[in-house]
Amino acid sequence: MTEKKKQRVAWGITGSGDKLSETVEVMKQVQKQFKDIVSIEVFLSKAAGNVTKQYNVYEDLRESFERVMVEVDSNAPFLAGWLETERYAFLLVAPATSNTVAKIAVSISDSLLSNAVIMALKGFVPVYVMPSDIKEGTVTTLLPNGKLTKLRVRKEDAENVQKLEKMEGVSILEKPQEIRQVFDKYFGKTRE
């Protein structure tokens, strides 16, 4: 009997520390839950390569996922091309910095993940984005040293998220726990 080929999901991580640890934990649980049918491949922006080390999750990613690749440039690794050829069921970018969100909102594709999103949309691959800055106001976030700090979400950043929400093929996630619902939608609920 031949083994069924696993479906692939591309998970992009930008340089946002906000909700990073929680997102990694949810993704590890999702990976475990769907391990027999889904392979999650991780793509780190250049900034995420550093931020994941600062938040002490880089090694955890390498141990928990088969492939973890760090951006060299906007086309290396060749994520945009792989998305165009329907290698992945969907693209998840979580967490996404306000910089990445702004680029996508105006179709600038000069980084690995902004290019990947634009090409995924051109290739009819669904995109899920969890922005770190969603609604205008003040948020509390965890620093790498474990302390909490307050940050301002600017009106401009919130407006860019609203632009993304209106883009065909893009869905916005507000918190890491919503990622589970995306996997359930595509792969059905499984038992561990």
Foldseek 3Di string as FASTA:
>chain_A
DDQDDAAEEEEEEELDPFQPVVLLVLVLVVCVQCVRHYAYAYEYEQNRVVNCVLLVCPVVCVVRHPHYYYWPWQCVVPLLVCLLVVSHQAYEYPADELVLLQCCLVQNRTTNVSSNVNSNVVSVRAYEYAYSQADFDKDWGAGSVGDIDIDGRDPVSNVSNVSQCPDPRYDYDHHSVCVSVVCCVVPNGGDD
